Amino acid sequence: MRGHHVLMSHLTILPTVITDLELLEETLLAEHYLVQRPGLIKAFGQDIYPAELVATDRSGLQMGWRWDADGSLALMLDLGQTKDSAGHKTHLNTILRSYALRSALRSAEGVTFEPSVSRTDQQGADRAIC
């Protein structure tokens, strides 16, 4: 994440490198979050903000994502929901690592691997077996 901006109340907007909403949803579901698309994220007091996707964990912590001008998804999070900022960091790191892994695997699906040798080397095969 590249920095943050704070809006009224405790809602924090954090830019991310996430650009694929469907892959983000898949990642969050795999991490056992409840997901709503689109959804509303509640901030401190009665403030409610629209989001492209809202994820809620078992403790009730809500995280939302909205489109940023650069085509990435910005994270919307009310840091006032909990006093456990280390927990927020752990959750976010897990989500980002899982998203990055899924993205890399998805990119690799279309890649075909060619053998570096075009014919079978029987001597090499015999040595490998021994």
Protein backbone atom coordinates (compact mmCIF):
# COMPACT_ATOMS: atom_id res chain seq x y z
CA MET A 1 0.00 0.00 0.00
CA ARG A 2 1.30 3.40 -0.94
CA GLY A 3 0.01 5.82 1.71
CA HIS A 4 -3.35 6.82 3.11
CA HIS A 5 -5.97 9.53 3.26
CA VAL A 6 -8.34 10.09 6.16
CA LEU A 7 -11.95 11.19 5.65
CA MET A 8 -14.37 12.43 8.28
CA SER A 9 -14.90 10.11 11.24
CA HIS A 10 -12.43 7.24 11.38
CA LEU A 11 -12.75 6.04 7.80
CA THR A 12 -9.33 5.59 6.26
CA ILE A 13 -8.76 5.18 2.51
CA LEU A 14 -5.66 3.20 1.57
CA PRO A 15 -4.56 2.87 -2.06
CA THR A 16 -3.67 -0.70 -3.06
CA VAL A 17 -2.26 -2.52 -6.07
CA ILE A 18 -5.45 -4.60 -6.37
CA THR A 19 -7.09 -4.20 -9.78
CA ASP A 20 -9.28 -7.30 -10.20
CA LEU A 21 -12.55 -7.12 -8.26
CA GLU A 22 -13.53 -10.73 -9.03
CA LEU A 23 -10.15 -12.04 -7.87
CA LEU A 24 -10.41 -9.95 -4.70
CA GLU A 25 -13.85 -11.45 -4.01
CA GLU A 26 -12.51 -14.98 -4.60
CA THR A 27 -9.59 -14.27 -2.24
CA LEU A 28 -11.82 -12.90 0.51
CA LEU A 29 -14.24 -15.82 0.27
CA ALA A 30 -11.31 -18.24 0.54
CA GLU A 31 -10.21 -16.37 3.68
CA HIS A 32 -13.73 -16.88 5.15
CA TYR A 33 -15.02 -13.31 4.84
CA LEU A 34 -18.67 -12.53 4.12
CA VAL A 35 -18.72 -10.53 0.88
CA GLN A 36 -21.30 -8.09 -0.51
CA ARG A 37 -21.09 -6.57 -4.01
CA PRO A 38 -21.87 -3.71 -4.03
CA GLY A 39 -22.21 -2.85 -0.38
CA LEU A 40 -22.18 -0.19 2.29
CA ILE A 41 -19.46 0.28 4.87
CA LYS A 42 -20.36 1.79 8.22
CA ALA A 43 -17.93 4.20 9.82
CA PHE A 44 -17.84 5.81 13.24
CA GLY A 45 -21.21 7.17 14.25
CA GLN A 46 -23.92 6.96 11.63
CA ASP A 47 -21.72 7.56 8.57
CA ILE A 48 -22.28 5.08 5.73
CA TYR A 49 -20.22 4.94 2.53
CA PRO A 50 -20.93 3.03 -0.70
CA ALA A 51 -18.33 0.50 -1.84
CA GLU A 52 -17.87 -1.79 -4.81
CA LEU A 53 -17.21 -4.65 -2.39
CA VAL A 54 -17.59 -4.97 1.39
CA ALA A 55 -15.99 -7.81 3.33
CA THR A 56 -16.88 -8.64 6.92
CA ASP A 57 -14.85 -10.99 9.11
CA ARG A 58 -16.17 -13.21 11.93
CA SER A 59 -15.64 -10.46 14.52
CA GLY A 60 -17.77 -8.00 12.49
CA LEU A 61 -14.83 -5.93 11.19
CA GLN A 62 -15.80 -4.39 7.85
CA MET A 63 -13.48 -3.50 5.00
CA GLY A 64 -14.67 -1.93 1.77
CA TRP A 65 -13.06 -1.34 -1.61
CA ARG A 66 -13.86 1.41 -4.10
CA TRP A 67 -12.41 2.22 -7.49
CA ASP A 68 -9.60 4.79 -7.48
CA ALA A 69 -8.89 7.13 -10.42
CA ASP A 70 -5.87 5.01 -11.46
CA GLY A 71 -7.98 1.88 -11.97
CA SER A 72 -6.94 0.20 -8.73
CA LEU A 73 -9.17 -0.59 -5.77
CA ALA A 74 -8.68 1.56 -2.67
CA LEU A 75 -9.34 0.00 0.73
CA MET A 76 -11.87 1.73 2.98
CA LEU A 77 -11.45 0.86 6.64
CA ASP A 78 -12.79 2.39 9.86
CA LEU A 79 -9.83 2.19 12.20
CA GLY A 80 -12.16 3.14 15.04
CA GLN A 81 -13.96 -0.23 14.81
CA THR A 82 -11.30 -1.91 16.88
CA LYS A 83 -8.26 -1.01 18.94
CA ASP A 84 -6.28 -3.85 17.40
CA SER A 85 -4.31 -2.10 14.63
CA ALA A 86 -1.82 -4.99 14.58
CA GLY A 87 -4.76 -7.27 13.81
CA HIS A 88 -5.75 -5.03 10.87
CA LYS A 89 -2.22 -5.27 9.49
CA THR A 90 -2.19 -9.05 9.86
CA HIS A 91 -5.56 -9.40 8.09
CA LEU A 92 -4.52 -7.06 5.29
CA ASN A 93 -1.16 -8.77 4.79
CA THR A 94 -2.90 -12.14 4.56
CA ILE A 95 -5.42 -10.81 2.03
CA LEU A 96 -2.74 -9.11 -0.09
CA ARG A 97 -0.45 -12.18 -0.11
CA SER A 98 -3.33 -14.47 -1.03
CA TYR A 99 -4.50 -12.07 -3.77
CA ALA A 100 -0.95 -11.84 -5.20
CA LEU A 101 -0.59 -15.64 -5.21
CA ARG A 102 -3.96 -16.14 -6.91
CA SER A 103 -3.10 -13.44 -9.45
CA ALA A 104 0.24 -15.08 -10.26
CA LEU A 105 -1.36 -18.51 -10.59
CA ARG A 106 -4.08 -17.11 -12.84
CA SER A 107 -1.45 -15.45 -15.04
CA ALA A 108 0.54 -18.69 -15.25
CA GLU A 109 -2.49 -20.74 -16.37
CA GLY A 110 -2.10 -19.58 -19.96
CA VAL A 111 1.64 -20.23 -20.07
CA THR A 112 2.88 -23.39 -21.76
CA PHE A 113 6.30 -24.77 -21.00
CA GLU A 114 8.46 -26.16 -23.78
CA PRO A 115 11.19 -28.67 -22.98
CA SER A 116 14.68 -27.22 -23.35
CA VAL A 117 15.82 -30.30 -25.31
CA SER A 118 13.85 -31.32 -28.36
CA ARG A 119 14.85 -35.00 -28.34
CA THR A 120 15.28 -37.53 -25.58
CA ASP A 121 18.88 -38.13 -24.55
CA GLN A 122 18.91 -41.86 -23.70
CA GLN A 123 22.29 -41.68 -21.94
CA GLY A 124 21.05 -38.83 -19.74
CA ALA A 125 17.87 -40.75 -19.01
CA ASP A 126 19.88 -43.86 -18.08
CA ARG A 127 22.10 -41.81 -15.72
CA ALA A 128 19.04 -40.25 -14.06
CA ILE A 129 17.54 -43.70 -13.41
CA CYS A 130 20.70 -45.12 -11.83
